[in-house]
Amino acid sequence: MATGFMRIDEECSKAGVLYKFFKDPYGFTVRFYRHCGEGWNQKEASPRFPEKGDEKVMKKGDEIAARVEKAYEVICANPDVTVTLLSKEINATKKQTEKALNILKKAGRIQREGPANGGKWVVS
């Protein structure tokens, strides 16, 4: 278990593929680089965590974090809110809303009390 990073490094080293790890707020991303006959840019392609210039990677994480915080605010204001209403309030799909709720549950910030229909959210 937990050998993914080592296996990625080993296989990329064997194949001569450069890669970069990016730590996101809720996980990580691995970017693989192709050699297109122009040579490698070692500075750009060396494994590292994101810095200021990695806006694309950070943007998605920022969007998720903002959605999670908005969901938390709505639940604090209305613990009886349903997933459907919450989706409308935070302007997200049902799947995105459920992901935000799962993040809040795993973080221990909320929990569900009672049945799916008729229950309420308890804010920690």
PDB file of N, CA and C in Angstrom:
ATOM      1  N   MET A   1       0.821  -1.193   0.000  1.00  0.00           N
ATOM      2  CA  MET A   1       0.000   0.000   0.000  1.00  0.00           C
ATOM      3  C   MET A   1       0.864   1.255   0.000  1.00  0.00           C
ATOM      4  N   ALA A   2       0.284   2.331  -0.505  1.00  0.00           N
ATOM      5  CA  ALA A   2       0.931   3.647  -0.520  1.00  0.00           C
ATOM      6  C   ALA A   2       2.260   3.631  -1.274  1.00  0.00           C
ATOM      7  N   THR A   3       2.282   2.963  -2.417  1.00  0.00           N
ATOM      8  CA  THR A   3       3.512   2.894  -3.205  1.00  0.00           C
ATOM      9  C   THR A   3       3.398   3.675  -4.507  1.00  0.00           C
ATOM     10  N   GLY A   4       2.316   4.398  -4.688  1.00  0.00           N
ATOM     11  CA  GLY A   4       2.063   5.091  -5.945  1.00  0.00           C
ATOM     12  C   GLY A   4       3.140   6.070  -6.356  1.00  0.00           C
ATOM     13  N   PHE A   5       3.593   6.915  -5.433  1.00  0.00           N
ATOM     14  CA  PHE A   5       4.602   7.908  -5.767  1.00  0.00           C
ATOM     15  C   PHE A   5       5.910   7.233  -6.188  1.00  0.00           C
ATOM     16  N   MET A   6       6.276   6.190  -5.439  1.00  0.00           N
ATOM     17  CA  MET A   6       7.520   5.479  -5.763  1.00  0.00           C
ATOM     18  C   MET A   6       7.413   4.784  -7.117  1.00  0.00           C
ATOM     19  N   ARG A   7       6.258   4.190  -7.411  1.00  0.00           N
ATOM     20  CA  ARG A   7       6.082   3.506  -8.688  1.00  0.00           C
ATOM     21  C   ARG A   7       6.089   4.494  -9.843  1.00  0.00           C
ATOM     22  N   ILE A   8       5.451   5.653  -9.668  1.00  0.00           N
ATOM     23  CA  ILE A   8       5.474   6.685 -10.707  1.00  0.00           C
ATOM     24  C   ILE A   8       6.919   7.100 -10.978  1.00  0.00           C
ATOM     25  N   ASP A   9       7.670   7.360  -9.913  1.00  0.00           N
ATOM     26  CA  ASP A   9       9.059   7.773 -10.065  1.00  0.00           C
ATOM     27  C   ASP A   9       9.882   6.695 -10.766  1.00  0.00           C
ATOM     28  N   GLU A  10       9.706   5.454 -10.347  1.00  0.00           N
ATOM     29  CA  GLU A  10      10.466   4.348 -10.937  1.00  0.00           C
ATOM     30  C   GLU A  10      10.157   4.177 -12.420  1.00  0.00           C
ATOM     31  N   GLU A  11       8.877   4.152 -12.773  1.00  0.00           N
ATOM     32  CA  GLU A  11       8.486   3.938 -14.171  1.00  0.00           C
ATOM     33  C   GLU A  11       8.888   5.115 -15.058  1.00  0.00           C
ATOM     34  N   CYS A  12       8.749   6.330 -14.550  1.00  0.00           N
ATOM     35  CA  CYS A  12       9.141   7.503 -15.334  1.00  0.00           C
ATOM     36  C   CYS A  12      10.649   7.549 -15.531  1.00  0.00           C
ATOM     37  N   SER A  13      11.392   7.154 -14.511  1.00  0.00           N
ATOM     38  CA  SER A  13      12.855   7.111 -14.635  1.00  0.00           C
ATOM     39  C   SER A  13      13.276   6.096 -15.684  1.00  0.00           C
ATOM     40  N   LYS A  14      12.646   4.907 -15.671  1.00  0.00           N
ATOM     41  CA  LYS A  14      12.955   3.873 -16.666  1.00  0.00           C
ATOM     42  C   LYS A  14      12.665   4.366 -18.080  1.00  0.00           C
ATOM     43  N   ALA A  15      11.536   5.055 -18.248  1.00  0.00           N
ATOM     44  CA  ALA A  15      11.095   5.490 -19.578  1.00  0.00           C
ATOM     45  C   ALA A  15      11.691   6.830 -19.995  1.00  0.00           C
ATOM     46  N   GLY A  16      12.387   7.495 -19.099  1.00  0.00           N
ATOM     47  CA  GLY A  16      12.960   8.802 -19.416  1.00  0.00           C
ATOM     48  C   GLY A  16      11.907   9.890 -19.527  1.00  0.00           C
ATOM     49  N   VAL A  17      10.832   9.764 -18.775  1.00  0.00           N
ATOM     50  CA  VAL A  17       9.739  10.739 -18.800  1.00  0.00           C
ATOM     51  C   VAL A  17       9.875  11.680 -17.615  1.00  0.00           C
ATOM     52  N   LEU A  18       9.812  12.959 -17.875  1.00  0.00           N
ATOM     53  CA  LEU A  18       9.834  13.939 -16.790  1.00  0.00           C
ATOM     54  C   LEU A  18       8.409  14.155 -16.302  1.00  0.00           C
ATOM     55  N   TYR A  19       8.262  14.457 -15.024  1.00  0.00           N
ATOM     56  CA  TYR A  19       6.951  14.643 -14.409  1.00  0.00           C
ATOM     57  C   TYR A  19       7.057  15.694 -13.314  1.00  0.00           C
ATOM     58  N   LYS A  20       5.899  16.128 -12.844  1.00  0.00           N
ATOM     59  CA  LYS A  20       5.841  17.121 -11.777  1.00  0.00           C
ATOM     60  C   LYS A  20       4.641  16.802 -10.900  1.00  0.00           C
ATOM     61  N   PHE A  21       4.820  16.776  -9.583  1.00  0.00           N
ATOM     62  CA  PHE A  21       3.702  16.602  -8.655  1.00  0.00           C
ATOM     63  C   PHE A  21       3.195  17.983  -8.244  1.00  0.00           C
ATOM     64  N   PHE A  22       1.875  18.121  -8.175  1.00  0.00           N
ATOM     65  CA  PHE A  22       1.249  19.348  -7.689  1.00  0.00           C
ATOM     66  C   PHE A  22       0.369  18.981  -6.508  1.00  0.00           C
ATOM     67  N   LYS A  23       0.565  19.631  -5.386  1.00  0.00           N
ATOM     68  CA  LYS A  23      -0.303  19.407  -4.236  1.00  0.00           C
ATOM     69  C   LYS A  23      -1.483  20.362  -4.340  1.00  0.00           C
ATOM     70  N   ASP A  24      -2.676  19.803  -4.357  1.00  0.00           N
ATOM     71  CA  ASP A  24      -3.916  20.583  -4.399  1.00  0.00           C
ATOM     72  C   ASP A  24      -4.477  20.653  -2.983  1.00  0.00           C
ATOM     73  N   PRO A  25      -5.451  21.523  -2.744  1.00  0.00           N
ATOM     74  CA  PRO A  25      -6.043  21.583  -1.403  1.00  0.00           C
ATOM     75  C   PRO A  25      -6.675  20.257  -0.965  1.00  0.00           C
ATOM     76  N   TYR A  26      -7.120  19.438  -1.910  1.00  0.00           N
ATOM     77  CA  TYR A  26      -7.814  18.205  -1.546  1.00  0.00           C
ATOM     78  C   TYR A  26      -7.173  16.973  -2.158  1.00  0.00           C
ATOM     79  N   GLY A  27      -5.907  17.014  -2.484  1.00  0.00           N
ATOM     80  CA  GLY A  27      -5.231  15.864  -3.070  1.00  0.00           C
ATOM     81  C   GLY A  27      -4.001  16.293  -3.830  1.00  0.00           C
ATOM     82  N   PHE A  28      -3.754  15.652  -4.973  1.00  0.00           N
ATOM     83  CA  PHE A  28      -2.588  15.994  -5.760  1.00  0.00           C
ATOM     84  C   PHE A  28      -2.854  15.703  -7.227  1.00  0.00           C
ATOM     85  N   THR A  29      -1.988  16.265  -8.079  1.00  0.00           N
ATOM     86  CA  THR A  29      -2.035  16.058  -9.517  1.00  0.00           C
ATOM     87  C   THR A  29      -0.626  15.715  -9.976  1.00  0.00           C
ATOM     88  N   VAL A  30      -0.530  14.836 -10.957  1.00  0.00           N
ATOM     89  CA  VAL A  30       0.766  14.518 -11.549  1.00  0.00           C
ATOM     90  C   VAL A  30       0.713  14.955 -13.000  1.00  0.00           C
ATOM     91  N   ARG A  31       1.684  15.765 -13.423  1.00  0.00           N
ATOM     92  CA  ARG A  31       1.763  16.209 -14.814  1.00  0.00           C
ATOM     93  C   ARG A  31       2.955  15.508 -15.465  1.00  0.00           C
ATOM     94  N   PHE A  32       2.687  14.840 -16.592  1.00  0.00           N
ATOM     95  CA  PHE A  32       3.732  14.160 -17.344  1.00  0.00           C
ATOM     96  C   PHE A  32       4.082  15.007 -18.559  1.00  0.00           C
ATOM     97  N   TYR A  33       5.380  15.088 -18.878  1.00  0.00           N
ATOM     98  CA  TYR A  33       5.853  15.897 -19.989  1.00  0.00           C
ATOM     99  C   TYR A  33       6.335  15.002 -21.129  1.00  0.00           C
ATOM    100  N   ARG A  34       6.018  15.422 -22.352  1.00  0.00           N
ATOM    101  CA  ARG A  34       6.501  14.729 -23.542  1.00  0.00           C
ATOM    102  C   ARG A  34       7.726  15.444 -24.074  1.00  0.00           C
ATOM    103  N   HIS A  35       8.613  14.686 -24.649  1.00  0.00           N
ATOM    104  CA  HIS A  35       9.763  15.270 -25.318  1.00  0.00           C
ATOM    105  C   HIS A  35       9.384  15.416 -26.783  1.00  0.00           C
ATOM    106  N   CYS A  36       9.273  16.605 -27.274  1.00  0.00           N
ATOM    107  CA  CYS A  36       8.820  16.854 -28.648  1.00  0.00           C
ATOM    108  C   CYS A  36       9.968  17.296 -29.544  1.00  0.00           C
ATOM    109  N   GLY A  37      11.156  16.821 -29.252  1.00  0.00           N
ATOM    110  CA  GLY A  37      12.305  17.151 -30.082  1.00  0.00           C
ATOM    111  C   GLY A  37      12.925  18.502 -29.763  1.00  0.00           C
ATOM    112  N   GLU A  38      12.402  19.198 -28.791  1.00  0.00           N
ATOM    113  CA  GLU A  38      12.908  20.528 -28.458  1.00  0.00           C
ATOM    114  C   GLU A  38      13.781  20.503 -27.210  1.00  0.00           C
ATOM    115  N   GLY A  39      13.907  19.342 -26.588  1.00  0.00           N
ATOM    116  CA  GLY A  39      14.692  19.247 -25.355  1.00  0.00           C
ATOM    117  C   GLY A  39      13.831  19.529 -24.144  1.00  0.00           C
ATOM    118  N   TRP A  40      14.294  19.084 -23.019  1.00  0.00           N
ATOM    119  CA  TRP A  40      13.552  19.272 -21.777  1.00  0.00           C
ATOM    120  C   TRP A  40      13.895  20.614 -21.153  1.00  0.00           C
ATOM    121  N   ASN A  41      12.924  21.228 -20.570  1.00  0.00           N
ATOM    122  CA  ASN A  41      13.157  22.402 -19.756  1.00  0.00           C
ATOM    123  C   ASN A  41      13.209  21.892 -18.322  1.00  0.00           C
ATOM    124  N   GLN A  42      14.406  21.634 -17.823  1.00  0.00           N
ATOM    125  CA  GLN A  42      14.554  21.009 -16.511  1.00  0.00           C
ATOM    126  C   GLN A  42      13.917  21.840 -15.397  1.00  0.00           C
ATOM    127  N   LYS A  43      14.022  23.149 -15.491  1.00  0.00           N
ATOM    128  CA  LYS A  43      13.441  23.994 -14.445  1.00  0.00           C
ATOM    129  C   LYS A  43      11.929  23.832 -14.419  1.00  0.00           C
ATOM    130  N   GLU A  44      11.305  23.806 -15.608  1.00  0.00           N
ATOM    131  CA  GLU A  44       9.854  23.714 -15.683  1.00  0.00           C
ATOM    132  C   GLU A  44       9.356  22.327 -15.321  1.00  0.00           C
ATOM    133  N   ALA A  45      10.095  21.280 -15.695  1.00  0.00           N
ATOM    134  CA  ALA A  45       9.586  19.924 -15.576  1.00  0.00           C
ATOM    135  C   ALA A  45      10.086  19.149 -14.363  1.00  0.00           C
ATOM    136  N   SER A  46      10.873  19.748 -13.504  1.00  0.00           N
ATOM    137  CA  SER A  46      11.363  18.994 -12.357  1.00  0.00           C
ATOM    138  C   SER A  46      10.229  18.785 -11.350  1.00  0.00           C
ATOM    139  N   PRO A  47      10.207  17.618 -10.662  1.00  0.00           N
ATOM    140  CA  PRO A  47       9.152  17.365  -9.683  1.00  0.00           C
ATOM    141  C   PRO A  47       9.191  18.412  -8.576  1.00  0.00           C
ATOM    142  N   ARG A  48       8.057  18.999  -8.290  1.00  0.00           N
ATOM    143  CA  ARG A  48       7.962  19.982  -7.215  1.00  0.00           C
ATOM    144  C   ARG A  48       6.498  20.251  -6.912  1.00  0.00           C
ATOM    145  N   PHE A  49       6.259  20.976  -5.855  1.00  0.00           N
ATOM    146  CA  PHE A  49       4.903  21.376  -5.526  1.00  0.00           C
ATOM    147  C   PHE A  49       4.614  22.726  -6.164  1.00  0.00           C
ATOM    148  N   PRO A  50       3.330  23.091  -6.299  1.00  0.00           N
ATOM    149  CA  PRO A  50       3.002  24.313  -7.028  1.00  0.00           C
ATOM    150  C   PRO A  50       3.547  25.572  -6.382  1.00  0.00           C
ATOM    151  N   GLU A  51       3.842  26.517  -7.235  1.00  0.00           N
ATOM    152  CA  GLU A  51       4.293  27.825  -6.798  1.00  0.00           C
ATOM    153  C   GLU A  51       3.324  28.854  -7.346  1.00  0.00           C
ATOM    154  N   LYS A  52       3.638  30.124  -7.196  1.00  0.00           N
ATOM    155  CA  LYS A  52       2.754  31.188  -7.654  1.00  0.00           C
ATOM    156  C   LYS A  52       2.358  31.065  -9.113  1.00  0.00           C
ATOM    157  N   GLY A  53       3.255  30.660  -9.976  1.00  0.00           N
ATOM    158  CA  GLY A  53       2.989  30.628 -11.404  1.00  0.00           C
ATOM    159  C   GLY A  53       2.077  29.511 -11.870  1.00  0.00           C
ATOM    160  N   ASP A  54       1.677  28.612 -10.998  1.00  0.00           N
ATOM    161  CA  ASP A  54       0.872  27.461 -11.400  1.00  0.00           C
ATOM    162  C   ASP A  54      -0.622  27.748 -11.208  1.00  0.00           C
ATOM    163  N   GLU A  55      -1.105  28.799 -11.867  1.00  0.00           N
ATOM    164  CA  GLU A  55      -2.470  29.253 -11.668  1.00  0.00           C
ATOM    165  C   GLU A  55      -3.524  28.234 -12.077  1.00  0.00           C
ATOM    166  N   LYS A  56      -3.283  27.498 -13.173  1.00  0.00           N
ATOM    167  CA  LYS A  56      -4.292  26.551 -13.635  1.00  0.00           C
ATOM    168  C   LYS A  56      -4.553  25.467 -12.598  1.00  0.00           C
ATOM    169  N   VAL A  57      -3.495  24.935 -12.020  1.00  0.00           N
ATOM    170  CA  VAL A  57      -3.657  23.890 -11.016  1.00  0.00           C
ATOM    171  C   VAL A  57      -4.340  24.461  -9.786  1.00  0.00           C
ATOM    172  N   MET A  58      -3.913  25.619  -9.368  1.00  0.00           N
ATOM    173  CA  MET A  58      -4.464  26.220  -8.164  1.00  0.00           C
ATOM    174  C   MET A  58      -5.901  26.692  -8.364  1.00  0.00           C
ATOM    175  N   LYS A  59      -6.248  27.099  -9.585  1.00  0.00           N
ATOM    176  CA  LYS A  59      -7.576  27.637  -9.843  1.00  0.00           C
ATOM    177  C   LYS A  59      -8.666  26.625  -9.511  1.00  0.00           C
ATOM    178  N   LYS A  60      -8.484  25.369  -9.948  1.00  0.00           N
ATOM    179  CA  LYS A  60      -9.482  24.347  -9.674  1.00  0.00           C
ATOM    180  C   LYS A  60      -9.615  24.124  -8.173  1.00  0.00           C
ATOM    181  N   GLY A  61      -8.490  24.051  -7.475  1.00  0.00           N
ATOM    182  CA  GLY A  61      -8.520  23.886  -6.031  1.00  0.00           C
ATOM    183  C   GLY A  61      -9.203  25.051  -5.341  1.00  0.00           C
ATOM    184  N   ASP A  62      -8.963  26.262  -5.838  1.00  0.00           N
ATOM    185  CA  ASP A  62      -9.595  27.449  -5.274  1.00  0.00           C
ATOM    186  C   ASP A  62     -11.105  27.421  -5.490  1.00  0.00           C
ATOM    187  N   GLU A  63     -11.543  26.952  -6.667  1.00  0.00           N
ATOM    188  CA  GLU A  63     -12.980  26.862  -6.956  1.00  0.00           C
ATOM    189  C   GLU A  63     -13.651  25.876  -6.011  1.00  0.00           C
ATOM    190  N   ILE A  64     -13.016  24.746  -5.792  1.00  0.00           N
ATOM    191  CA  ILE A  64     -13.580  23.744  -4.885  1.00  0.00           C
ATOM    192  C   ILE A  64     -13.626  24.287  -3.464  1.00  0.00           C
ATOM    193  N   ALA A  65     -12.544  24.913  -3.024  1.00  0.00           N
ATOM    194  CA  ALA A  65     -12.501  25.479  -1.676  1.00  0.00           C
ATOM    195  C   ALA A  65     -13.580  26.538  -1.483  1.00  0.00           C
ATOM    196  N   ALA A  66     -13.781  27.378  -2.483  1.00  0.00           N
ATOM    197  CA  ALA A  66     -14.822  28.408  -2.396  1.00  0.00           C
ATOM    198  C   ALA A  66     -16.205  27.772  -2.320  1.00  0.00           C
ATOM    199  N   ARG A  67     -16.426  26.720  -3.102  1.00  0.00           N
ATOM    200  CA  ARG A  67     -17.719  26.021  -3.094  1.00  0.00           C
ATOM    201  C   ARG A  67     -17.981  25.378  -1.739  1.00  0.00           C
ATOM    202  N   VAL A  68     -16.942  24.792  -1.153  1.00  0.00           N
ATOM    203  CA  VAL A  68     -17.066  24.160   0.159  1.00  0.00           C
ATOM    204  C   VAL A  68     -17.418  25.206   1.210  1.00  0.00           C
ATOM    205  N   GLU A  69     -16.729  26.339   1.188  1.00  0.00           N
ATOM    206  CA  GLU A  69     -17.002  27.393   2.176  1.00  0.00           C
ATOM    207  C   GLU A  69     -18.396  27.972   2.013  1.00  0.00           C
ATOM    208  N   LYS A  70     -18.833  28.168   0.772  1.00  0.00           N
ATOM    209  CA  LYS A  70     -20.186  28.686   0.525  1.00  0.00           C
ATOM    210  C   LYS A  70     -21.229  27.700   1.045  1.00  0.00           C
ATOM    211  N   ALA A  71     -21.013  26.393   0.791  1.00  0.00           N
ATOM    212  CA  ALA A  71     -21.941  25.375   1.289  1.00  0.00           C
ATOM    213  C   ALA A  71     -22.000  25.417   2.814  1.00  0.00           C
ATOM    214  N   TYR A  72     -20.856  25.566   3.444  1.00  0.00           N
ATOM    215  CA  TYR A  72     -20.796  25.632   4.910  1.00  0.00           C
ATOM    216  C   TYR A  72     -21.585  26.837   5.441  1.00  0.00           C
ATOM    217  N   GLU A  73     -21.427  27.969   4.783  1.00  0.00           N
ATOM    218  CA  GLU A  73     -22.160  29.175   5.192  1.00  0.00           C
ATOM    219  C   GLU A  73     -23.665  28.975   5.065  1.00  0.00           C
ATOM    220  N   VAL A  74     -24.102  28.375   3.966  1.00  0.00           N
ATOM    221  CA  VAL A  74     -25.535  28.137   3.756  1.00  0.00           C
ATOM    222  C   VAL A  74     -26.070  27.174   4.808  1.00  0.00           C
ATOM    223  N   ILE A  75     -25.318  26.120   5.103  1.00  0.00           N
ATOM    224  CA  ILE A  75     -25.756  25.143   6.111  1.00  0.00           C
ATOM    225  C   ILE A  75     -25.815  25.779   7.488  1.00  0.00           C
ATOM    226  N   CYS A  76     -24.857  26.647   7.808  1.00  0.00           N
ATOM    227  CA  CYS A  76     -24.887  27.353   9.096  1.00  0.00           C
ATOM    228  C   CYS A  76     -26.143  28.206   9.221  1.00  0.00           C
ATOM    229  N   ALA A  77     -26.524  28.854   8.129  1.00  0.00           N
ATOM    230  CA  ALA A  77     -27.700  29.715   8.133  1.00  0.00           C
ATOM    231  C   ALA A  77     -29.008  28.915   8.110  1.00  0.00           C
ATOM    232  N   ASN A  78     -28.993  27.727   7.488  1.00  0.00           N
ATOM    233  CA  ASN A  78     -30.205  26.919   7.358  1.00  0.00           C
ATOM    234  C   ASN A  78     -29.858  25.433   7.462  1.00  0.00           C
ATOM    235  N   PRO A  79     -29.812  24.881   8.686  1.00  0.00           N
ATOM    236  CA  PRO A  79     -29.435  23.475   8.860  1.00  0.00           C
ATOM    237  C   PRO A  79     -30.413  22.478   8.226  1.00  0.00           C
ATOM    238  N   ASP A  80     -31.597  22.929   7.863  1.00  0.00           N
ATOM    239  CA  ASP A  80     -32.595  22.043   7.248  1.00  0.00           C
ATOM    240  C   ASP A  80     -32.491  22.007   5.725  1.00  0.00           C
ATOM    241  N   VAL A  81     -31.531  22.689   5.148  1.00  0.00           N
ATOM    242  CA  VAL A  81     -31.413  22.790   3.692  1.00  0.00           C
ATOM    243  C   VAL A  81     -31.209  21.411   3.066  1.00  0.00           C
ATOM    244  N   THR A  82     -31.862  21.188   1.921  1.00  0.00           N
ATOM    245  CA  THR A  82     -31.696  19.939   1.186  1.00  0.00           C
ATOM    246  C   THR A  82     -30.544  20.081   0.203  1.00  0.00           C
ATOM    247  N   VAL A  83     -30.080  18.954  -0.319  1.00  0.00           N
ATOM    248  CA  VAL A  83     -28.984  18.978  -1.298  1.00  0.00           C
ATOM    249  C   VAL A  83     -29.425  19.746  -2.545  1.00  0.00           C
ATOM    250  N   THR A  84     -30.672  19.562  -2.956  1.00  0.00           N
ATOM    251  CA  THR A  84     -31.181  20.251  -4.144  1.00  0.00           C
ATOM    252  C   THR A  84     -31.170  21.763  -3.947  1.00  0.00           C
ATOM    253  N   LEU A  85     -31.683  22.216  -2.813  1.00  0.00           N
ATOM    254  CA  LEU A  85     -31.686  23.657  -2.538  1.00  0.00           C
ATOM    255  C   LEU A  85     -30.269  24.191  -2.347  1.00  0.00           C
ATOM    256  N   LEU A  86     -29.436  23.394  -1.689  1.00  0.00           N
ATOM    257  CA  LEU A  86     -28.050  23.807  -1.487  1.00  0.00           C
ATOM    258  C   LEU A  86     -27.336  23.975  -2.819  1.00  0.00           C
ATOM    259  N   SER A  87     -27.593  23.069  -3.757  1.00  0.00           N
ATOM    260  CA  SER A  87     -27.000  23.164  -5.095  1.00  0.00           C
ATOM    261  C   SER A  87     -27.355  24.490  -5.755  1.00  0.00           C
ATOM    262  N   LYS A  88     -28.618  24.876  -5.627  1.00  0.00           N
ATOM    263  CA  LYS A  88     -29.061  26.151  -6.222  1.00  0.00           C
ATOM    264  C   LYS A  88     -28.405  27.335  -5.514  1.00  0.00           C
ATOM    265  N   GLU A  89     -28.312  27.254  -4.201  1.00  0.00           N
ATOM    266  CA  GLU A  89     -27.732  28.357  -3.424  1.00  0.00           C
ATOM    267  C   GLU A  89     -26.256  28.599  -3.749  1.00  0.00           C
ATOM    268  N   ILE A  90     -25.517  27.519  -3.962  1.00  0.00           N
ATOM    269  CA  ILE A  90     -24.076  27.678  -4.210  1.00  0.00           C
ATOM    270  C   ILE A  90     -23.749  27.634  -5.698  1.00  0.00           C
ATOM    271  N   ASN A  91     -24.800  27.564  -6.528  1.00  0.00           N
ATOM    272  CA  ASN A  91     -24.644  27.579  -7.993  1.00  0.00           C
ATOM    273  C   ASN A  91     -23.715  26.455  -8.464  1.00  0.00           C
ATOM    274  N   ALA A  92     -24.075  25.220  -8.073  1.00  0.00           N
ATOM    275  CA  ALA A  92     -23.265  24.055  -8.415  1.00  0.00           C
ATOM    276  C   ALA A  92     -24.180  22.898  -8.818  1.00  0.00           C
ATOM    277  N   THR A  93     -23.599  21.907  -9.458  1.00  0.00           N
ATOM    278  CA  THR A  93     -24.362  20.706  -9.795  1.00  0.00           C
ATOM    279  C   THR A  93     -24.566  19.890  -8.521  1.00  0.00           C
ATOM    280  N   LYS A  94     -25.468  18.922  -8.605  1.00  0.00           N
ATOM    281  CA  LYS A  94     -25.724  18.061  -7.450  1.00  0.00           C
ATOM    282  C   LYS A  94     -24.458  17.288  -7.077  1.00  0.00           C
ATOM    283  N   LYS A  95     -23.741  16.807  -8.071  1.00  0.00           N
ATOM    284  CA  LYS A  95     -22.507  16.055  -7.824  1.00  0.00           C
ATOM    285  C   LYS A  95     -21.452  16.933  -7.147  1.00  0.00           C
ATOM    286  N   GLN A  96     -21.302  18.173  -7.619  1.00  0.00           N
ATOM    287  CA  GLN A  96     -20.342  19.097  -7.009  1.00  0.00           C
ATOM    288  C   GLN A  96     -20.742  19.402  -5.568  1.00  0.00           C
ATOM    289  N   THR A  97     -22.051  19.540  -5.343  1.00  0.00           N
ATOM    290  CA  THR A  97     -22.546  19.825  -4.000  1.00  0.00           C
ATOM    291  C   THR A  97     -22.284  18.648  -3.068  1.00  0.00           C
ATOM    292  N   GLU A  98     -22.539  17.438  -3.542  1.00  0.00           N
ATOM    293  CA  GLU A  98     -22.282  16.249  -2.728  1.00  0.00           C
ATOM    294  C   GLU A  98     -20.800  16.108  -2.414  1.00  0.00           C
ATOM    295  N   LYS A  99     -19.943  16.468  -3.359  1.00  0.00           N
ATOM    296  CA  LYS A  99     -18.500  16.430  -3.112  1.00  0.00           C
ATOM    297  C   LYS A  99     -18.125  17.441  -2.020  1.00  0.00           C
ATOM    298  N   ALA A 100     -18.697  18.638  -2.098  1.00  0.00           N
ATOM    299  CA  ALA A 100     -18.435  19.656  -1.077  1.00  0.00           C
ATOM    300  C   ALA A 100     -18.908  19.173   0.294  1.00  0.00           C
ATOM    301  N   LEU A 101     -20.084  18.535   0.338  1.00  0.00           N
ATOM    302  CA  LEU A 101     -20.601  18.015   1.597  1.00  0.00           C
ATOM    303  C   LEU A 101     -19.692  16.918   2.158  1.00  0.00           C
ATOM    304  N   ASN A 102     -19.190  16.058   1.292  1.00  0.00           N
ATOM    305  CA  ASN A 102     -18.279  14.998   1.736  1.00  0.00           C
ATOM    306  C   ASN A 102     -16.994  15.574   2.310  1.00  0.00           C
ATOM    307  N   ILE A 103     -16.494  16.634   1.697  1.00  0.00           N
ATOM    308  CA  ILE A 103     -15.291  17.294   2.207  1.00  0.00           C
ATOM    309  C   ILE A 103     -15.559  17.864   3.597  1.00  0.00           C
ATOM    310  N   LEU A 104     -16.713  18.509   3.766  1.00  0.00           N
ATOM    311  CA  LEU A 104     -17.072  19.072   5.072  1.00  0.00           C
ATOM    312  C   LEU A 104     -17.264  17.979   6.117  1.00  0.00           C
ATOM    313  N   LYS A 105     -17.871  16.861   5.718  1.00  0.00           N
ATOM    314  CA  LYS A 105     -18.062  15.744   6.656  1.00  0.00           C
ATOM    315  C   LYS A 105     -16.727  15.157   7.079  1.00  0.00           C
ATOM    316  N   LYS A 106     -15.835  14.915   6.117  1.00  0.00           N
ATOM    317  CA  LYS A 106     -14.521  14.328   6.427  1.00  0.00           C
ATOM    318  C   LYS A 106     -13.704  15.252   7.315  1.00  0.00           C
ATOM    319  N   ALA A 107     -13.888  16.553   7.141  1.00  0.00           N
ATOM    320  CA  ALA A 107     -13.167  17.527   7.960  1.00  0.00           C
ATOM    321  C   ALA A 107     -13.790  17.669   9.349  1.00  0.00           C
ATOM    322  N   GLY A 108     -14.954  17.043   9.558  1.00  0.00           N
ATOM    323  CA  GLY A 108     -15.615  17.110  10.856  1.00  0.00           C
ATOM    324  C   GLY A 108     -16.349  18.414  11.101  1.00  0.00           C
ATOM    325  N   ARG A 109     -16.594  19.174  10.046  1.00  0.00           N
ATOM    326  CA  ARG A 109     -17.255  20.469  10.209  1.00  0.00           C
ATOM    327  C   ARG A 109     -18.770  20.348  10.238  1.00  0.00           C
ATOM    328  N   ILE A 110     -19.308  19.290   9.611  1.00  0.00           N
ATOM    329  CA  ILE A 110     -20.752  19.046   9.619  1.00  0.00           C
ATOM    330  C   ILE A 110     -21.005  17.554   9.750  1.00  0.00           C
ATOM    331  N   GLN A 111     -22.212  17.215  10.154  1.00  0.00           N
ATOM    332  CA  GLN A 111     -22.677  15.834  10.109  1.00  0.00           C
ATOM    333  C   GLN A 111     -24.193  15.848   9.953  1.00  0.00           C
ATOM    334  N   ARG A 112     -24.702  14.756   9.437  1.00  0.00           N
ATOM    335  CA  ARG A 112     -26.137  14.656   9.173  1.00  0.00           C
ATOM    336  C   ARG A 112     -26.797  13.971  10.359  1.00  0.00           C
ATOM    337  N   GLU A 113     -27.880  14.559  10.830  1.00  0.00           N
ATOM    338  CA  GLU A 113     -28.640  13.997  11.932  1.00  0.00           C
ATOM    339  C   GLU A 113     -30.038  13.682  11.421  1.00  0.00           C
ATOM    340  N   GLY A 114     -30.484  12.466  11.629  1.00  0.00           N
ATOM    341  CA  GLY A 114     -31.812  12.072  11.174  1.00  0.00           C
ATOM    342  C   GLY A 114     -31.769  11.488   9.774  1.00  0.00           C
ATOM    343  N   PRO A 115     -32.935  11.194   9.224  1.00  0.00           N
ATOM    344  CA  PRO A 115     -32.999  10.559   7.900  1.00  0.00           C
ATOM    345  C   PRO A 115     -32.640  11.527   6.776  1.00  0.00           C
ATOM    346  N   ALA A 116     -32.398  10.964   5.589  1.00  0.00           N
ATOM    347  CA  ALA A 116     -32.073  11.792   4.420  1.00  0.00           C
ATOM    348  C   ALA A 116     -33.212  12.768   4.137  1.00  0.00           C
ATOM    349  N   ASN A 117     -34.442  12.291   4.231  1.00  0.00           N
ATOM    350  CA  ASN A 117     -35.616  13.175   4.062  1.00  0.00           C
ATOM    351  C   ASN A 117     -36.126  13.561   5.434  1.00  0.00           C
ATOM    352  N   GLY A 118     -36.000  14.827   5.768  1.00  0.00           N
ATOM    353  CA  GLY A 118     -36.506  15.312   7.051  1.00  0.00           C
ATOM    354  C   GLY A 118     -35.438  15.490   8.111  1.00  0.00           C
ATOM    355  N   GLY A 119     -34.205  15.097   7.819  1.00  0.00           N
ATOM    356  CA  GLY A 119     -33.128  15.291   8.779  1.00  0.00           C
ATOM    357  C   GLY A 119     -32.591  16.708   8.735  1.00  0.00           C
ATOM    358  N   LYS A 120     -31.513  16.953   9.439  1.00  0.00           N
ATOM    359  CA  LYS A 120     -30.902  18.284   9.404  1.00  0.00           C
ATOM    360  C   LYS A 120     -29.397  18.152   9.557  1.00  0.00           C
ATOM    361  N   TRP A 121     -28.706  19.221   9.212  1.00  0.00           N
ATOM    362  CA  TRP A 121     -27.256  19.279   9.331  1.00  0.00           C
ATOM    363  C   TRP A 121     -26.896  19.813  10.705  1.00  0.00           C
ATOM    364  N   VAL A 122     -25.889  19.204  11.303  1.00  0.00           N
ATOM    365  CA  VAL A 122     -25.373  19.677  12.578  1.00  0.00           C
ATOM    366  C   VAL A 122     -23.975  20.242  12.308  1.00  0.00           C
ATOM    367  N   VAL A 123     -23.795  21.509  12.637  1.00  0.00           N
ATOM    368  CA  VAL A 123     -22.534  22.198  12.416  1.00  0.00           C
ATOM    369  C   VAL A 123     -21.634  22.021  13.621  1.00  0.00           C
ATOM    370  N   SER A 124     -20.400  21.619  13.377  1.00  0.00           N
ATOM    371  CA  SER A 124     -19.443  21.398  14.482  1.00  0.00           C
ATOM    372  C   SER A 124     -18.608  22.628  14.714  1.00  0.00           C
TER     373      SER A 124
END
